Structure formats: C-alpha cells, structure tokens
C-alpha atoms as a PDB file:
ATOM      1  CA  MET A   1     209.771  90.148 112.162  1.00  0.00           C
ATOM      2  CA  HIS A   2     207.941  93.358 112.916  1.00  0.00           C
ATOM      3  CA  ALA A   3     204.291  92.914 113.864  1.00  0.00           C
ATOM      4  CA  VAL A   4     201.775  95.702 114.147  1.00  0.00           C
ATOM      5  CA  ARG A   5     199.059  95.249 116.747  1.00  0.00           C
ATOM      6  CA  PRO A   6     195.611  95.014 115.146  1.00  0.00           C
ATOM      7  CA  LEU A   7     193.595  98.183 115.481  1.00  0.00           C
ATOM      8  CA  LEU A   8     190.049  99.090 114.611  1.00  0.00           C
ATOM      9  CA  LEU A   9     189.567 100.675 111.201  1.00  0.00           C
ATOM     10  CA  ALA A  10     188.224 103.870 112.713  1.00  0.00           C
ATOM     11  CA  THR A  11     191.259 104.146 114.963  1.00  0.00           C
ATOM     12  CA  LEU A  12     193.786 103.625 112.184  1.00  0.00           C
ATOM     13  CA  LEU A  13     192.569 106.231 109.732  1.00  0.00           C
ATOM     14  CA  PRO A  14     193.479 109.391 111.693  1.00  0.00           C
ATOM     15  CA  LEU A  15     197.034 108.148 112.155  1.00  0.00           C
ATOM     16  CA  PHE A  16     197.882 108.958 108.565  1.00  0.00           C
ATOM     17  CA  ALA A  17     197.301 112.665 109.203  1.00  0.00           C
ATOM     18  CA  GLY A  18     198.814 113.030 112.678  1.00  0.00           C
ATOM     19  CA  CYS A  19     202.355 113.679 113.928  1.00  0.00           C
ATOM     20  CA  GLN A  20     204.830 111.077 115.134  1.00  0.00           C
ATOM     21  CA  LEU A  21     208.554 110.596 115.616  1.00  0.00           C
ATOM     22  CA  PHE A  22     210.814 109.334 112.806  1.00  0.00           C
ATOM     23  CA  ASP A  23     212.052 106.206 114.658  1.00  0.00           C
ATOM     24  CA  PHE A  24     210.164 103.636 112.565  1.00  0.00           C
ATOM     25  CA  MET A  25     212.211 100.526 113.157  1.00  0.00           C
ATOM     26  CA  GLY A  26     213.390 101.284 116.691  1.00  0.00           C
ATOM     27  CA  HIS A  27     217.043 100.548 115.865  1.00  0.00           C
ATOM     28  CA  ASP A  28     220.191 102.652 115.980  1.00  0.00           C
ATOM     29  CA  ALA A  29     221.622 103.796 112.647  1.00  0.00           C
ATOM     30  CA  PRO A  30     224.234 101.447 111.158  1.00  0.00           C
ATOM     31  CA  ALA A  31     227.851 102.459 111.575  1.00  0.00           C
ATOM     32  CA  GLU A  32     228.242 103.152 107.847  1.00  0.00           C
ATOM     33  CA  LEU A  33     225.611 105.924 108.155  1.00  0.00           C
ATOM     34  CA  SER A  34     227.513 107.721 110.906  1.00  0.00           C
ATOM     35  CA  GLY A  35     228.000 111.378 110.037  1.00  0.00           C
ATOM     36  CA  GLN A  36     225.416 111.196 107.235  1.00  0.00           C
ATOM     37  CA  THR A  37     222.048 112.932 107.170  1.00  0.00           C
ATOM     38  CA  ARG A  38     218.951 112.214 105.138  1.00  0.00           C
ATOM     39  CA  MET A  39     217.380 115.354 103.656  1.00  0.00           C
ATOM     40  CA  GLN A  40     214.741 116.340 101.145  1.00  0.00           C
ATOM     41  CA  GLY A  41     214.914 119.453  99.008  1.00  0.00           C
ATOM     42  CA  THR A  42     215.244 120.999  95.568  1.00  0.00           C
ATOM     43  CA  LEU A  43     217.862 119.906  93.058  1.00  0.00           C
ATOM     44  CA  THR A  44     218.892 122.390  90.365  1.00  0.00           C
ATOM     45  CA  ALA A  45     221.518 122.396  87.621  1.00  0.00           C
ATOM     46  CA  GLY A  46     224.107 125.156  88.061  1.00  0.00           C
ATOM     47  CA  GLU A  47     227.140 126.247  86.051  1.00  0.00           C
ATOM     48  CA  SER A  48     229.438 124.183  88.283  1.00  0.00           C
ATOM     49  CA  GLY A  49     227.146 121.163  88.569  1.00  0.00           C
ATOM     50  CA  LEU A  50     224.151 120.165  90.667  1.00  0.00           C
ATOM     51  CA  LEU A  51     223.035 122.263  93.633  1.00  0.00           C
ATOM     52  CA  PHE A  52     220.857 120.951  96.469  1.00  0.00           C
ATOM     53  CA  THR A  53     218.685 123.256  98.614  1.00  0.00           C
ATOM     54  CA  PRO A  54     216.989 121.598 101.626  1.00  0.00           C
ATOM     55  CA  CYS A  55     213.256 122.094 102.149  1.00  0.00           C
ATOM     56  CA  ASP A  56     212.493 125.250 104.171  1.00  0.00           C
ATOM     57  CA  SER A  57     216.080 126.486 103.849  1.00  0.00           C
ATOM     58  CA  SER A  58     217.916 128.994 101.665  1.00  0.00           C
ATOM     59  CA  ARG A  59     221.297 127.260 102.032  1.00  0.00           C
ATOM     60  CA  THR A  60     222.733 125.489  99.021  1.00  0.00           C
ATOM     61  CA  PHE A  61     225.169 122.589  98.683  1.00  0.00           C
ATOM     62  CA  ARG A  62     227.235 121.535  95.676  1.00  0.00           C
ATOM     63  CA  VAL A  63     226.626 117.853  95.016  1.00  0.00           C
ATOM     64  CA  THR A  64     229.564 115.464  94.780  1.00  0.00           C
ATOM     65  CA  ASP A  65     228.341 111.985  93.881  1.00  0.00           C
ATOM     66  CA  ASN A  66     230.806 109.938  95.930  1.00  0.00           C
ATOM     67  CA  GLY A  67     228.214 107.173  96.313  1.00  0.00           C
ATOM     68  CA  ALA A  68     228.075 106.635  92.530  1.00  0.00           C
ATOM     69  CA  THR A  69     224.287 107.114  92.551  1.00  0.00           C
ATOM     70  CA  GLY A  70     224.186 108.426  88.982  1.00  0.00           C
ATOM     71  CA  ILE A  71     222.219 111.471  90.126  1.00  0.00           C
ATOM     72  CA  ALA A  72     223.495 113.728  87.333  1.00  0.00           C
ATOM     73  CA  GLU A  73     222.354 111.343  84.590  1.00  0.00           C
ATOM     74  CA  GLU A  74     219.063 110.602  86.339  1.00  0.00           C
ATOM     75  CA  ALA A  75     218.304 114.297  86.872  1.00  0.00           C
ATOM     76  CA  ALA A  76     219.116 115.150  83.259  1.00  0.00           C
ATOM     77  CA  GLY A  77     216.327 112.840  82.137  1.00  0.00           C
ATOM     78  CA  LEU A  78     213.699 114.454  84.349  1.00  0.00           C
ATOM     79  CA  GLY A  79     214.263 118.223  84.226  1.00  0.00           C
ATOM     80  CA  ASP A  80     216.268 121.201  85.449  1.00  0.00           C
ATOM     81  CA  THR A  81     214.515 121.665  88.817  1.00  0.00           C
ATOM     82  CA  LEU A  82     213.509 118.587  90.819  1.00  0.00           C
ATOM     83  CA  PHE A  83     212.546 117.371  94.254  1.00  0.00           C
ATOM     84  CA  ALA A  84     215.268 115.107  95.658  1.00  0.00           C
ATOM     85  CA  ASP A  85     215.424 112.790  98.662  1.00  0.00           C
ATOM     86  CA  VAL A  86     219.067 112.047  99.487  1.00  0.00           C
ATOM     87  CA  ARG A  87     221.478 110.928 102.186  1.00  0.00           C
ATOM     88  CA  GLY A  88     225.056 112.087 102.626  1.00  0.00           C
ATOM     89  CA  ARG A  89     227.387 114.329 104.565  1.00  0.00           C
ATOM     90  CA  PHE A  90     226.525 118.017 104.501  1.00  0.00           C
ATOM     91  CA  ASP A  91     229.465 120.361 105.079  1.00  0.00           C
ATOM     92  CA  GLY A  92     228.763 124.072 105.344  1.00  0.00           C
ATOM     93  CA  ASN A  93     230.954 126.779 103.829  1.00  0.00           C
ATOM     94  CA  THR A  94     232.625 129.228 106.225  1.00  0.00           C
ATOM     95  CA  VAL A  95     232.133 132.024 103.674  1.00  0.00           C
ATOM     96  CA  GLU A  96     228.687 133.561 104.147  1.00  0.00           C
ATOM     97  CA  GLY A  97     226.511 133.220 101.073  1.00  0.00           C
ATOM     98  CA  SER A  98     228.690 130.519  99.514  1.00  0.00           C
ATOM     99  CA  ALA A  99     227.480 126.986  98.811  1.00  0.00           C
ATOM    100  CA  GLY A 100     228.478 124.142 101.069  1.00  0.00           C
ATOM    101  CA  GLU A 101     229.361 120.614  99.997  1.00  0.00           C
ATOM    102  CA  LEU A 102     227.100 117.567  99.852  1.00  0.00           C
ATOM    103  CA  ASN A 103     229.035 114.310  99.824  1.00  0.00           C
ATOM    104  CA  LEU A 104     226.180 112.259  98.352  1.00  0.00           C
ATOM    105  CA  GLN A 105     226.022 108.582  99.262  1.00  0.00           C
ATOM    106  CA  THR A 106     222.391 107.507  98.676  1.00  0.00           C
ATOM    107  CA  LEU A 107     219.684 108.686  96.294  1.00  0.00           C
ATOM    108  CA  TYR A 108     216.156 107.651  97.318  1.00  0.00           C
ATOM    109  CA  ARG A 109     213.905 109.636  94.975  1.00  0.00           C
ATOM    110  CA  LEU A 110     213.810 112.264  92.239  1.00  0.00           C
ATOM    111  CA  GLU A 111     210.611 113.781  90.890  1.00  0.00           C
ATOM    112  CA  GLN A 112     209.214 116.796  89.123  1.00  0.00           C
ATOM    113  CA  ALA A 113     206.568 117.481  91.780  1.00  0.00           C
ATOM    114  CA  THR A 114     207.142 120.987  93.115  1.00  0.00           C
ATOM    115  CA  GLY A 115     204.989 120.466  96.221  1.00  0.00           C
ATOM    116  CA  ALA A 116     206.763 117.362  97.555  1.00  0.00           C
ATOM    117  CA  CYS A 117     208.513 119.388 100.271  1.00  0.00           C
ATOM    118  CA  LYS A 118     205.107 120.095 101.802  1.00  0.00           C
ATOM    119  CA  ASP A 119     203.816 116.503 101.802  1.00  0.00           C
ATOM    120  CA  PRO A 120     202.081 116.259 105.226  1.00  0.00           C
ATOM    121  CA  ASN A 121     202.273 112.456 105.241  1.00  0.00           C
ATOM    122  CA  PHE A 122     205.971 112.021 104.508  1.00  0.00           C
ATOM    123  CA  LYS A 123     207.242 112.146 108.104  1.00  0.00           C
ATOM    124  CA  LEU A 124     204.645 109.562 109.160  1.00  0.00           C
ATOM    125  CA  SER A 125     205.272 107.061 106.386  1.00  0.00           C
ATOM    126  CA  GLY A 126     207.481 104.006 106.511  1.00  0.00           C
ATOM    127  CA  TYR A 127     206.898 103.335 102.824  1.00  0.00           C
ATOM    128  CA  TYR A 128     204.752 104.745 100.047  1.00  0.00           C
ATOM    129  CA  ALA A 129     203.962 102.644  96.976  1.00  0.00           C
ATOM    130  CA  GLN A 130     201.923 103.489  93.894  1.00  0.00           C
ATOM    131  CA  GLY A 131     200.941 101.890  90.614  1.00  0.00           C
ATOM    132  CA  HIS A 132     198.606 102.297  87.651  1.00  0.00           C
ATOM    133  CA  GLY A 133     196.167 100.392  85.483  1.00  0.00           C
ATOM    134  CA  PRO A 134     194.084 100.401  87.643  1.00  0.00           C
ATOM    135  CA  GLU A 135     195.273 103.084  90.060  1.00  0.00           C
ATOM    136  CA  TRP A 136     196.423 101.949  93.488  1.00  0.00           C
ATOM    137  CA  ALA A 137     198.476 103.309  96.383  1.00  0.00           C
ATOM    138  CA  VAL A 138     199.660 102.007  99.754  1.00  0.00           C
ATOM    139  CA  ARG A 139     200.982 104.151 102.592  1.00  0.00           C
ATOM    140  CA  VAL A 140     202.636 102.300 105.479  1.00  0.00           C
ATOM    141  CA  SER A 141     203.052 103.860 108.917  1.00  0.00           C
ATOM    142  CA  PRO A 142     204.291 102.304 112.186  1.00  0.00           C
ATOM    143  CA  ASN A 143     200.634 101.791 113.119  1.00  0.00           C
ATOM    144  CA  GLY A 144     199.023 100.443 109.988  1.00  0.00           C
ATOM    145  CA  MET A 145     198.827 100.097 106.232  1.00  0.00           C
ATOM    146  CA  LYS A 146     196.393 102.234 104.237  1.00  0.00           C
ATOM    147  CA  VAL A 147     195.419 100.680 100.904  1.00  0.00           C
ATOM    148  CA  GLU A 148     193.683 102.676  98.173  1.00  0.00           C
ATOM    149  CA  ARG A 149     192.497 100.954  94.984  1.00  0.00           C
ATOM    150  CA  GLU A 150     190.499 102.309  92.096  1.00  0.00           C
ATOM    151  CA  GLY A 151     186.843 101.300  92.310  1.00  0.00           C
ATOM    152  CA  GLN A 152     187.184  99.810  95.799  1.00  0.00           C
ATOM    153  CA  PRO A 153     186.767 101.218  99.309  1.00  0.00           C
ATOM    154  CA  ASP A 154     189.928 102.323 101.109  1.00  0.00           C
ATOM    155  CA  LEU A 155     191.295  99.934 103.726  1.00  0.00           C
ATOM    156  CA  ALA A 156     193.305 100.657 106.885  1.00  0.00           C
ATOM    157  CA  LEU A 157     194.906  97.411 108.036  1.00  0.00           C
ATOM    158  CA  PRO A 158     197.295  96.026 110.642  1.00  0.00           C
ATOM    159  CA  TYR A 159     200.257  94.242 109.076  1.00  0.00           C
ATOM    160  CA  VAL A 160     203.208  91.931 109.626  1.00  0.00           C
ATOM    161  CA  GLN A 161     206.559  93.005 108.188  1.00  0.00           C
ATOM    162  CA  GLU A 162     209.269  90.549 107.143  1.00  0.00           C
ATOM    163  CA  GLN A 163     212.691  91.079 105.631  1.00  0.00           C
ATOM    164  CA  MET A 164     213.235  88.883 102.583  1.00  0.00           C
ATOM    165  CA  PRO A 165     216.412  87.485 100.983  1.00  0.00           C
ATOM    166  CA  GLY A 166     218.081  89.972  98.668  1.00  0.00           C
ATOM    167  CA  GLY A 167     217.065  93.034 100.694  1.00  0.00           C
ATOM    168  CA  GLY A 168     213.345  92.938  99.936  1.00  0.00           C
ATOM    169  CA  THR A 169     210.514  93.585 102.371  1.00  0.00           C
ATOM    170  CA  SER A 170     207.113  91.912 102.682  1.00  0.00           C
ATOM    171  CA  LEU A 171     204.196  93.610 104.426  1.00  0.00           C
ATOM    172  CA  SER A 172     201.107  91.450 104.722  1.00  0.00           C
ATOM    173  CA  SER A 173     197.681  91.587 106.336  1.00  0.00           C
ATOM    174  CA  GLU A 174     194.889  89.057 106.731  1.00  0.00           C
ATOM    175  CA  ALA A 175     192.393  91.427 108.329  1.00  0.00           C
ATOM    176  CA  ASN A 176     188.799  91.702 107.091  1.00  0.00           C
ATOM    177  CA  HIS A 177     188.915  88.060 105.882  1.00  0.00           C
ATOM    178  CA  GLN A 178     191.274  88.796 102.996  1.00  0.00           C
ATOM    179  CA  ARG A 179     195.018  88.536 102.495  1.00  0.00           C
ATOM    180  CA  ILE A 180     196.782  91.568 101.061  1.00  0.00           C
ATOM    181  CA  GLU A 181     200.551  91.730 100.558  1.00  0.00           C
ATOM    182  CA  LEU A 182     202.866  94.551  99.579  1.00  0.00           C
ATOM    183  CA  TRP A 183     206.253  93.369  98.295  1.00  0.00           C
ATOM    184  CA  ILE A 184     209.053  95.926  98.071  1.00  0.00           C
ATOM    185  CA  ALA A 185     212.380  95.177  96.386  1.00  0.00           C
ATOM    186  CA  PRO A 186     215.545  97.233  95.815  1.00  0.00           C
ATOM    187  CA  GLN A 187     215.307  98.050  92.103  1.00  0.00           C
ATOM    188  CA  ARG A 188     215.402 101.222  90.012  1.00  0.00           C
ATOM    189  CA  CYS A 189     211.819 102.157  89.150  1.00  0.00           C
ATOM    190  CA  VAL A 190     210.412 104.939  86.970  1.00  0.00           C
ATOM    191  CA  ASP A 191     206.816 106.116  87.307  1.00  0.00           C
ATOM    192  CA  GLY A 192     206.233 108.984  84.897  1.00  0.00           C
ATOM    193  CA  ALA A 193     207.957 112.047  86.368  1.00  0.00           C
ATOM    194  CA  ARG A 194     209.173 110.151  89.461  1.00  0.00           C
ATOM    195  CA  LEU A 195     212.267 107.991  89.852  1.00  0.00           C
ATOM    196  CA  THR A 196     212.752 105.742  92.884  1.00  0.00           C
ATOM    197  CA  PHE A 197     215.042 102.864  93.787  1.00  0.00           C
ATOM    198  CA  LEU A 198     212.377 100.505  95.129  1.00  0.00           C
ATOM    199  CA  SER A 199     209.893  98.521  93.061  1.00  0.00           C
ATOM    200  CA  ALA A 200     206.564  97.353  94.508  1.00  0.00           C
ATOM    201  CA  GLU A 201     203.943  94.668  93.982  1.00  0.00           C
ATOM    202  CA  LEU A 202     200.477  94.735  95.534  1.00  0.00           C
ATOM    203  CA  ARG A 203     199.099  91.195  95.775  1.00  0.00           C
ATOM    204  CA  GLN A 204     195.542  90.151  96.574  1.00  0.00           C
ATOM    205  CA  GLY A 205     194.740  86.544  95.791  1.00  0.00           C
ATOM    206  CA  ASP A 206     195.823  85.868  92.207  1.00  0.00           C
ATOM    207  CA  GLN A 207     195.871  89.562  91.323  1.00  0.00           C
ATOM    208  CA  VAL A 208     199.306  91.254  91.150  1.00  0.00           C
ATOM    209  CA  GLN A 209     199.662  94.985  90.485  1.00  0.00           C
ATOM    210  CA  ARG A 210     203.107  96.501  89.985  1.00  0.00           C
ATOM    211  CA  GLY A 211     204.463  99.941  90.742  1.00  0.00           C
ATOM    212  CA  CYS A 212     207.218 101.933  92.431  1.00  0.00           C
ATOM    213  CA  ALA A 213     207.914 102.711  96.094  1.00  0.00           C
ATOM    214  CA  TYR A 214     210.100 104.887  98.295  1.00  0.00           C
ATOM    215  CA  PRO A 215     210.890 105.001 102.035  1.00  0.00           C
ATOM    216  CA  GLY A 216     209.141 107.706 104.037  1.00  0.00           C
ATOM    217  CA  GLY A 217     210.517 109.794 106.853  1.00  0.00           C
ATOM    218  CA  ALA A 218     209.511 107.288 109.528  1.00  0.00           C
ATOM    219  CA  GLN A 219     211.719 104.685 107.867  1.00  0.00           C
ATOM    220  CA  GLY A 220     214.724 106.838 108.683  1.00  0.00           C
ATOM    221  CA  GLN A 221     217.128 105.260 106.196  1.00  0.00           C
END
C-alpha cells in the first residue's frame, strides 16, 4: 500500500505545476523492461509503415510492433498524424539521416492532440483520468490527487493507493469529510480522439462516473 501524507489544500495545489523527478513508485524497473525506454512523440504513416519521432527531436524510428499492441490498426482509426506514448527498444541507424528502429512492446496512449508533447503536467503525473456527462478529471501526483468536477469546486486531496486483483489500482481519500475513490483498470478505452489502455471510475458515495485514464511520466512504466 502506498500512502500519501496529508497536506493542506493550499500546499497541494502548487505541486501540480512544479517540477519533480520521474520516480513515482520508488522501485527499480522490472527485469522485462531492461533495455526498453518509454517515450512520447509524433506517430506518422510513411510509405514503409509507421514512423515515430520523439518530442523535441528530429530523429525518426520505423515502428516494428513486436509487442502485438495493434498500433497500426489503432492509428488508422484516429488519423495520419498522432501523439503517441510508447515503450520499447530504440536502435539508432549508423547512416546519418536514416531512420532507426523502434522495437515496440507497449502502447500507452494515442491521440489527435498536437500539443500533447508540451503538456507541462505530464512529467509530474502518476495518472490522469477524465470522463464526461458531467465533465470530470483527476490528476494524481506523488503528493496528492487533484479532482475537478463540473459545477463543483476543485479539490486537492491526500490519498491511499492500493493494488487490486487483476492489475487494477484504487486511489482513495477521506479528506474534507467525504470519501472519493478513483478506480483504474487495465482495459482498452476510447474517449473521442484519444485511445488509452486504462479505464477509470470516479466514485463519490453512490455516484459513479466512468472515463479513460493513462499513466503519467511520474509513473515511469
């Protein structure tokens, strides 16, 4: 169980705009991730297949889907140029100007948003979840959980994190005399122009609101 020390509301809020290290869980990477790197960038369709260009880089990598993520089919349903959050082995090409190779193992997110590379909150976030009808969003950092709900004041809360059977995660808070839970489960989830592989439920009392989620940079993997 991962517990976050309670903090005052005024202390928590600036943390979602500051800078911190990526080590969210405080654990070493599993052995199966050895040699792999998580990167975000632009995914485009080329004559020879998909090409990945990391954020803030001009280098390109041909994508080989050795992890059977289905990225080609998923990308075809969203558009020709997408933001992608992936993990795999990146091998450069010794010929200057030629594309390297991306041995893709994990696909976290695809979306049409062109500004996702410049998201100032990504490196701080453990998870980000969002849903509609009414609108809601939760951003989790190592220091707190920020909850935004349509028609209600924003909340910055301490939380307790628990791993659930089946690979799910529960993040709950009982601050401010109310219990709020965010449940995250490994499941393909489509939210308009965004595709993720985590579904989310925001629970408050008897009210359950559903949406999609993805791991932020502080989650690491």
